Amino acid sequence: MNTHTRIIQYPANIEALKPYVPGVPISDLARRLQIPVESIVKLASNENPLGPSPRALQALAEARIDLSQYPDNDCTALVAAIAEQHQVPKEWVVVGAGSESVIGNAVATLLTAGKKTVYSQYSFQAYVTAVQRVGATAIEIPSPEYVVDLDGLLGALVQEPSLIYIANPGNPTGTCLDSKALERFMNAVPPHIAVLLDEAYFEFLPAHLQPDSIAWVRQYPNLLITRTFSKAFGLAGLRVGYGIAQPVLADMLKRVRPPFTVGEPAQLAATAALLDHDFLAQTLENNEQSGRILQEGLRNLGLRYLESYTNFVLVEVGDGAAIARFLEHQGFIVRPVNAYGLPRWVRISLGHPAQMQRLVQAMASFSFAENK
């Protein structure tokens, strides 16, 4: 019999963490409501409604993968493809299990208890959680217009942060920054303070709004940009993303990265997807059409939404949880964003145009007046 009375003591920052709550799985909703799986439309996780890149699927179909062997730890072919795509040395590329993995590695590399980080209100929850996990001090800058306040971030430099985080475009807001303003910001940040520029939704930005962030990496040794294959390239299920930084910072990230982070199927698929320009064009065309339909429908319903530069739209509905529950019974899964301090809003991923039309019709039967 164990007579010890003491219990495990957990660090306060770990006890305060909340488990990640993903969007409702389609199979779970189908089972709970006793409705067919094929009748459910998931619009909660910003996934690509066109599915994976066809070239990625072809690469997987033609590959002979020995699952008994560990994958290439250095992701040699994928790193070479990314380096070629962006015209940077291979040593500058860091691959991880989604860009979230690279972001977590950056936090683990640059922050510890007692160090500070600065980020905007409504920043990507995975970054906020990663900071809390290492026990660093967070300085959150208000974002009353739901756009990153660059001047506010600069004002926090007097507190000597070690790392600044900016998502452009942002999640869950979907808003983006003026590239010239962002470049002026980089010029103003001292070189001993690292900047993490999260560009998970970069591909969805119109060409005239896409910052030349790769050029900035060449200029600023304190800059790390991160991107992902989960969104525009349709590979969310394989978990693969990457970061680009000058060699000293990139090397530090590789030191904290766990071994064999990215499996061989993910490496093969991502390498092929990177060159699937036709699929990317189709994705952007679908996104534009679906976004136009959804936003027109929201305007007709008298609902406020934020202009989005991503594959989702943040909509103010009065009670986000209530309409999410209502839409589940209509066969739609959308994302309440209470965790971001936005209980009056929901985030809606852009599906096919026909799905957006059906969603708007379903929303029209909801009593918004009773849920304000």
Protein backbone atom coordinates (compact mmCIF):
# COMPACT_ATOMS: atom_id res chain seq x y z
CA MET A 1 0.00 0.00 0.00
CA ASN A 2 1.35 3.42 -0.96
CA THR A 3 1.50 5.53 2.20
CA HIS A 4 2.91 8.65 0.54
CA THR A 5 0.55 11.62 0.82
CA ARG A 6 2.35 14.11 -1.37
CA ILE A 7 1.03 14.61 -4.91
CA ILE A 8 2.77 15.72 -8.06
CA GLN A 9 3.33 19.47 -8.20
CA TYR A 10 2.96 20.93 -11.67
CA PRO A 11 4.38 24.28 -12.79
CA ALA A 12 1.77 27.02 -12.58
CA ASN A 13 2.15 27.91 -16.26
CA ILE A 14 1.38 24.30 -17.22
CA GLU A 15 -1.59 24.02 -14.88
CA ALA A 16 -3.03 27.17 -16.43
CA LEU A 17 -2.89 25.74 -19.96
CA LYS A 18 -6.13 24.70 -21.60
CA PRO A 19 -6.18 21.72 -23.98
CA TYR A 20 -6.59 22.60 -27.63
CA VAL A 21 -10.20 22.18 -28.73
CA PRO A 22 -10.40 21.43 -32.47
CA GLY A 23 -13.41 21.84 -34.70
CA VAL A 24 -16.13 19.24 -34.31
CA PRO A 25 -15.19 16.10 -36.31
CA ILE A 26 -17.64 15.21 -39.08
CA SER A 27 -17.96 11.62 -37.84
CA ASP A 28 -18.77 12.79 -34.31
CA LEU A 29 -21.51 15.14 -35.48
CA ALA A 30 -22.98 12.47 -37.77
CA ARG A 31 -23.11 9.98 -34.91
CA ARG A 32 -24.51 12.50 -32.42
CA LEU A 33 -27.28 13.80 -34.70
CA GLN A 34 -27.86 10.53 -36.56
CA ILE A 35 -27.36 12.12 -39.95
CA PRO A 36 -25.31 10.86 -42.93
CA VAL A 37 -21.64 11.83 -43.01
CA GLU A 38 -21.92 12.93 -46.63
CA SER A 39 -24.57 15.51 -45.72
CA ILE A 40 -22.23 17.41 -43.38
CA VAL A 41 -20.10 20.34 -44.52
CA LYS A 42 -17.12 21.17 -42.30
CA LEU A 43 -16.30 24.88 -42.40
CA ALA A 44 -14.39 25.13 -39.14
CA SER A 45 -10.71 24.44 -39.74
CA ASN A 46 -9.78 26.46 -42.84
CA GLU A 47 -9.06 23.34 -44.85
CA ASN A 48 -8.94 23.33 -48.65
CA PRO A 49 -12.38 22.35 -50.02
CA LEU A 50 -10.76 21.09 -53.23
CA GLY A 51 -8.87 18.46 -51.26
CA PRO A 52 -5.15 17.77 -51.64
CA SER A 53 -2.94 18.84 -54.51
CA PRO A 54 -3.33 16.27 -57.33
CA ARG A 55 0.42 16.26 -57.88
CA ALA A 56 0.87 15.42 -54.21
CA LEU A 57 -1.55 12.50 -54.53
CA GLN A 58 0.24 11.29 -57.64
CA ALA A 59 3.61 11.42 -55.88
CA LEU A 60 2.23 9.34 -53.02
CA ALA A 61 0.62 6.83 -55.39
CA GLU A 62 3.88 6.29 -57.26
CA ALA A 63 6.10 6.12 -54.17
CA ARG A 64 7.33 3.00 -52.49
CA ILE A 65 7.47 3.97 -48.86
CA ASP A 66 8.93 1.57 -46.34
CA LEU A 67 7.04 2.39 -43.15
CA SER A 68 9.46 0.31 -41.10
CA GLN A 69 12.21 2.87 -41.66
CA TYR A 70 12.59 6.35 -40.22
CA PRO A 71 12.10 9.23 -42.65
CA ASP A 72 14.85 11.53 -43.84
CA ASN A 73 15.45 13.65 -40.74
CA ASP A 74 16.79 16.56 -42.81
CA CYS A 75 13.91 16.48 -45.34
CA THR A 76 16.58 16.82 -48.02
CA ALA A 77 14.41 16.87 -51.16
CA LEU A 78 11.73 19.08 -49.61
CA VAL A 79 14.25 21.56 -48.25
CA ALA A 80 15.91 21.74 -51.67
CA ALA A 81 12.54 22.40 -53.33
CA ILE A 82 11.62 25.14 -50.85
CA ALA A 83 15.06 26.73 -51.20
CA GLU A 84 14.72 26.68 -54.99
CA GLN A 85 11.21 28.12 -54.85
CA HIS A 86 12.30 31.07 -52.72
CA GLN A 87 15.85 31.42 -54.01
CA VAL A 88 17.49 31.08 -50.61
CA PRO A 89 20.29 28.76 -49.42
CA LYS A 90 19.12 25.37 -48.17
CA GLU A 91 20.67 26.12 -44.79
CA TRP A 92 18.05 28.83 -44.30
CA VAL A 93 15.10 26.39 -44.44
CA VAL A 94 13.64 24.67 -41.37
CA VAL A 95 10.89 22.08 -41.87
CA GLY A 96 8.43 20.99 -39.22
CA ALA A 97 5.13 19.20 -38.62
CA GLY A 98 3.07 22.16 -39.77
CA SER A 99 4.13 25.77 -39.34
CA GLU A 100 2.82 25.51 -35.79
CA SER A 101 5.70 23.13 -35.08
CA VAL A 102 8.24 25.67 -36.37
CA ILE A 103 6.55 28.38 -34.31
CA GLY A 104 6.80 26.19 -31.21
CA ASN A 105 10.48 25.59 -31.92
CA ALA A 106 11.05 29.34 -32.22
CA VAL A 107 9.41 29.92 -28.85
CA ALA A 108 11.46 27.16 -27.25
CA THR A 109 14.62 28.61 -28.81
CA LEU A 110 14.11 32.25 -27.93
CA LEU A 111 11.97 32.35 -24.80
CA THR A 112 12.30 31.07 -21.26
CA ALA A 113 10.81 32.04 -17.91
CA GLY A 114 11.68 35.68 -17.30
CA LYS A 115 11.93 36.59 -20.99
CA LYS A 116 9.21 38.58 -22.74
CA THR A 117 7.32 38.38 -25.98
CA VAL A 118 5.03 40.91 -27.64
CA TYR A 119 2.05 40.07 -29.81
CA SER A 120 -1.26 41.54 -30.88
CA GLN A 121 -4.63 40.84 -29.34
CA TYR A 122 -6.41 38.03 -31.24
CA SER A 123 -3.11 36.42 -32.22
CA PHE A 124 -3.01 32.76 -33.27
CA GLN A 125 -3.83 30.71 -30.18
CA ALA A 126 -1.05 28.19 -30.82
CA TYR A 127 1.54 30.92 -30.37
CA VAL A 128 -0.05 32.17 -27.17
CA THR A 129 -0.12 28.62 -25.81
CA ALA A 130 3.52 27.98 -26.78
CA VAL A 131 4.57 31.09 -24.85
CA GLN A 132 2.63 30.01 -21.80
CA ARG A 133 4.13 26.53 -22.04
CA VAL A 134 7.68 27.85 -21.56
CA GLY A 135 6.65 30.27 -18.82
CA ALA A 136 7.63 33.44 -20.66
CA THR A 137 5.96 36.79 -20.02
CA ALA A 138 3.41 37.86 -22.63
CA ILE A 139 2.76 41.49 -23.55
CA GLU A 140 -0.49 41.68 -25.50
CA ILE A 141 -1.13 44.83 -27.53
CA PRO A 142 -4.80 45.79 -27.95
CA SER A 143 -6.28 45.46 -31.43
CA PRO A 144 -9.54 47.45 -31.33
CA GLU A 145 -9.90 47.39 -35.12
CA TYR A 146 -8.93 43.69 -35.36
CA VAL A 147 -5.74 44.62 -37.22
CA VAL A 148 -2.25 44.31 -35.74
CA ASP A 149 -1.19 47.65 -34.21
CA LEU A 150 2.40 47.98 -35.40
CA ASP A 151 2.92 51.23 -33.52
CA GLY A 152 1.70 49.52 -30.37
CA LEU A 153 4.18 46.71 -30.89
CA LEU A 154 6.98 49.21 -31.34
CA GLY A 155 5.89 51.03 -28.20
CA ALA A 156 6.42 47.82 -26.25
CA LEU A 157 10.09 47.64 -27.24
CA VAL A 158 10.98 49.66 -24.13
CA GLN A 159 10.08 46.53 -22.15
CA GLU A 160 12.92 44.65 -23.91
CA PRO A 161 11.09 41.67 -25.40
CA SER A 162 13.10 38.82 -26.88
CA LEU A 163 10.55 37.91 -29.56
CA ILE A 164 7.78 39.70 -31.44
CA TYR A 165 5.04 37.68 -33.14
CA ILE A 166 2.99 38.95 -36.09
CA ALA A 167 0.57 36.91 -38.19
CA ASN A 168 -0.08 38.36 -41.65
CA PRO A 169 -2.86 37.70 -42.53
CA GLY A 170 -4.14 37.00 -39.03
CA ASN A 171 -6.11 34.09 -37.65
CA PRO A 172 -8.97 34.32 -36.63
CA THR A 173 -9.41 37.89 -37.92
CA GLY A 174 -8.38 37.38 -41.56
CA THR A 175 -7.09 40.95 -41.70
CA CYS A 176 -3.75 41.90 -43.22
CA LEU A 177 -1.12 44.62 -42.91
CA ASP A 178 0.17 47.13 -45.42
CA SER A 179 3.48 45.75 -46.65
CA LYS A 180 5.21 49.14 -46.58
CA ALA A 181 4.14 49.69 -42.99
CA LEU A 182 5.39 46.22 -42.12
CA GLU A 183 8.75 46.95 -43.76
CA ARG A 184 9.05 50.19 -41.80
CA PHE A 185 8.33 48.18 -38.67
CA MET A 186 11.16 45.75 -39.45
CA ASN A 187 13.52 48.69 -39.97
CA ALA A 188 12.61 50.00 -36.52
CA VAL A 189 13.12 46.75 -34.59
CA PRO A 190 16.62 46.45 -33.05
CA PRO A 191 18.61 43.50 -34.41
CA HIS A 192 18.82 41.77 -31.02
CA ILE A 193 15.02 41.31 -30.93
CA ALA A 194 13.70 38.44 -33.04
CA VAL A 195 10.58 38.83 -35.17
CA LEU A 196 8.40 35.87 -36.14
CA LEU A 197 6.25 36.64 -39.18
CA ASP A 198 3.60 33.93 -39.49
CA GLU A 199 2.48 33.71 -43.12
CA ALA A 200 0.27 30.62 -42.99
CA TYR A 201 -2.25 32.30 -45.30
CA PHE A 202 0.26 34.11 -47.52
CA GLU A 203 -0.93 32.44 -50.74
CA PHE A 204 -4.43 33.90 -50.33
CA LEU A 205 -3.19 37.49 -50.33
CA PRO A 206 -3.73 39.39 -53.59
CA ALA A 207 -0.43 39.92 -55.39
CA HIS A 208 -0.37 43.65 -54.64
CA LEU A 209 -0.66 42.94 -50.91
CA GLN A 210 1.95 40.19 -50.70
CA PRO A 211 5.00 41.55 -48.88
CA ASP A 212 8.45 40.66 -50.19
CA SER A 213 9.18 38.89 -46.93
CA ILE A 214 11.82 36.60 -48.41
CA ALA A 215 13.83 39.68 -49.34
CA TRP A 216 13.38 40.89 -45.77
CA VAL A 217 14.87 37.67 -44.45
CA ARG A 218 17.97 38.34 -46.54
CA GLN A 219 18.17 41.81 -45.00
CA TYR A 220 17.29 41.08 -41.36
CA PRO A 221 19.09 38.28 -39.49
CA ASN A 222 16.52 38.61 -36.68
CA LEU A 223 13.55 37.69 -38.90
CA LEU A 224 11.90 34.26 -39.17
CA ILE A 225 8.97 33.70 -41.52
CA THR A 226 6.78 30.60 -41.33
CA ARG A 227 4.47 29.07 -43.93
CA THR A 228 2.41 25.91 -44.22
CA PHE A 229 1.21 23.29 -46.69
CA SER A 230 -2.00 22.78 -44.69
CA LYS A 231 -4.12 25.50 -46.28
CA ALA A 232 -3.63 26.47 -49.91
CA PHE A 233 -1.92 23.19 -50.81
CA GLY A 234 -4.53 20.99 -49.12
CA LEU A 235 -2.18 18.87 -47.00
CA ALA A 236 -3.55 19.53 -43.52
CA GLY A 237 -3.71 15.80 -42.77
CA LEU A 238 0.01 15.34 -43.35
CA ARG A 239 1.20 18.14 -41.04
CA VAL A 240 4.06 19.86 -42.82
CA GLY A 241 5.22 23.48 -42.78
CA TYR A 242 8.47 25.40 -42.86
CA GLY A 243 10.37 28.43 -41.72
CA ILE A 244 12.97 30.57 -43.46
CA ALA A 245 15.62 32.48 -41.55
CA GLN A 246 19.30 33.35 -41.85
CA PRO A 247 21.63 30.45 -40.93
CA VAL A 248 22.39 31.28 -37.29
CA LEU A 249 18.72 31.50 -36.31
CA ALA A 250 17.77 28.57 -38.55
CA ASP A 251 20.48 26.42 -36.98
CA MET A 252 19.20 27.17 -33.49
CA LEU A 253 15.70 26.10 -34.50
CA LYS A 254 17.04 22.82 -35.87
CA ARG A 255 18.77 22.15 -32.55
CA VAL A 256 15.49 22.16 -30.62
CA ARG A 257 13.47 20.36 -33.31
CA PRO A 258 12.66 16.76 -32.36
CA PRO A 259 14.11 14.12 -34.71
CA PHE A 260 12.09 12.68 -37.58
CA THR A 261 9.37 15.32 -37.20
CA VAL A 262 8.04 15.05 -40.76
CA GLY A 263 7.17 11.63 -42.16
CA GLU A 264 8.22 10.50 -45.61
CA PRO A 265 4.67 10.69 -47.07
CA ALA A 266 4.44 14.31 -45.94
CA GLN A 267 7.83 15.13 -47.41
CA LEU A 268 6.97 13.57 -50.77
CA ALA A 269 3.54 15.18 -50.97
CA ALA A 270 4.76 18.64 -49.98
CA THR A 271 7.63 18.53 -52.47
CA ALA A 272 5.19 17.75 -55.27
CA ALA A 273 2.53 20.21 -54.09
CA LEU A 274 4.99 23.08 -54.09
CA LEU A 275 5.12 22.83 -57.89
CA ASP A 276 1.39 22.31 -58.44
CA HIS A 277 0.72 25.78 -59.76
CA ASP A 278 -2.51 24.79 -61.54
CA PHE A 279 -4.01 23.50 -58.31
CA LEU A 280 -3.01 26.64 -56.44
CA ALA A 281 -4.68 28.76 -59.13
CA GLN A 282 -7.87 26.66 -58.85
CA THR A 283 -7.79 27.02 -55.09
CA LEU A 284 -7.54 30.79 -55.27
CA GLU A 285 -10.31 31.01 -57.88
CA ASN A 286 -12.63 28.88 -55.73
CA ASN A 287 -11.73 30.96 -52.70
CA GLU A 288 -12.56 34.19 -54.47
CA GLN A 289 -15.93 32.92 -55.72
CA SER A 290 -16.95 31.43 -52.38
CA GLY A 291 -15.83 34.50 -50.48
CA ARG A 292 -17.91 36.75 -52.71
CA ILE A 293 -21.02 34.58 -52.23
CA LEU A 294 -20.62 34.35 -48.47
CA GLN A 295 -19.96 38.05 -47.97
CA GLU A 296 -22.91 39.07 -50.14
CA GLY A 297 -25.11 36.73 -48.13
CA LEU A 298 -23.86 38.13 -44.84
CA ARG A 299 -24.55 41.68 -46.01
CA ASN A 300 -28.09 40.69 -46.97
CA LEU A 301 -28.56 39.26 -43.49
CA GLY A 302 -27.33 42.51 -41.98
CA LEU A 303 -24.36 40.83 -40.31
CA ARG A 304 -21.04 42.50 -39.69
CA TYR A 305 -17.93 40.69 -40.92
CA LEU A 306 -14.28 41.56 -41.27
CA GLU A 307 -12.80 41.93 -44.72
CA SER A 308 -10.73 38.80 -45.07
CA TYR A 309 -7.56 38.06 -47.01
CA THR A 310 -7.62 34.35 -46.16
CA ASN A 311 -9.82 31.31 -46.80
CA PHE A 312 -12.20 32.14 -43.94
CA VAL A 313 -14.40 34.99 -42.74
CA LEU A 314 -14.92 36.20 -39.17
CA VAL A 315 -18.59 37.11 -38.63
CA GLU A 316 -20.29 38.86 -35.72
CA VAL A 317 -23.50 36.94 -34.97
CA GLY A 318 -24.42 37.90 -31.39
CA ASP A 319 -23.89 34.50 -29.78
CA GLY A 320 -21.24 32.48 -31.58
CA ALA A 321 -21.86 29.26 -29.67
CA ALA A 322 -25.62 29.45 -30.26
CA ILE A 323 -25.42 29.79 -34.03
CA ALA A 324 -22.72 27.11 -34.19
CA ARG A 325 -25.08 24.69 -32.43
CA PHE A 326 -27.93 25.74 -34.71
CA LEU A 327 -25.88 25.21 -37.86
CA GLU A 328 -24.75 21.78 -36.71
CA HIS A 329 -28.38 20.67 -36.95
CA GLN A 330 -28.40 22.04 -40.50
CA GLY A 331 -25.32 19.96 -41.35
CA PHE A 332 -22.71 22.73 -41.12
CA ILE A 333 -19.73 22.90 -38.77
CA VAL A 334 -18.41 26.43 -38.14
CA ARG A 335 -15.99 27.63 -35.49
CA PRO A 336 -16.95 29.65 -32.40
CA VAL A 337 -13.97 31.75 -31.30
CA ASN A 338 -14.60 32.15 -27.59
CA ALA A 339 -11.01 31.10 -26.91
CA TYR A 340 -9.86 34.30 -28.62
CA GLY A 341 -12.10 36.47 -26.46
CA LEU A 342 -14.64 36.81 -29.28
CA PRO A 343 -17.81 35.12 -27.99
CA ARG A 344 -20.02 37.17 -30.33
CA TRP A 345 -18.26 35.93 -33.45
CA VAL A 346 -17.82 32.75 -35.49
CA ARG A 347 -15.15 31.90 -38.05
CA ILE A 348 -16.44 30.37 -41.27
CA SER A 349 -14.09 28.59 -43.65
CA LEU A 350 -14.73 29.04 -47.35
CA GLY A 351 -15.98 25.86 -49.02
CA HIS A 352 -17.36 25.37 -52.51
CA PRO A 353 -19.62 28.13 -53.90
CA ALA A 354 -22.70 25.88 -53.67
CA GLN A 355 -21.90 25.15 -50.03
CA MET A 356 -21.69 28.86 -49.30
CA GLN A 357 -25.10 29.42 -50.87
CA ARG A 358 -26.60 26.64 -48.75
CA LEU A 359 -24.92 28.00 -45.61
CA VAL A 360 -26.34 31.49 -46.16
CA GLN A 361 -29.80 29.98 -46.63
CA ALA A 362 -29.42 28.06 -43.38
CA MET A 363 -28.23 31.15 -41.51
CA ALA A 364 -31.26 33.11 -42.79
CA SER A 365 -33.53 30.87 -40.70
CA PHE A 366 -31.64 31.64 -37.47
CA SER A 367 -33.14 34.23 -35.10
CA PHE A 368 -30.25 36.65 -34.72
CA ALA A 369 -32.46 39.17 -32.89
CA GLU A 370 -33.01 36.71 -30.03
CA ASN A 371 -29.29 35.97 -29.68
CA LYS A 372 -27.78 39.44 -29.57
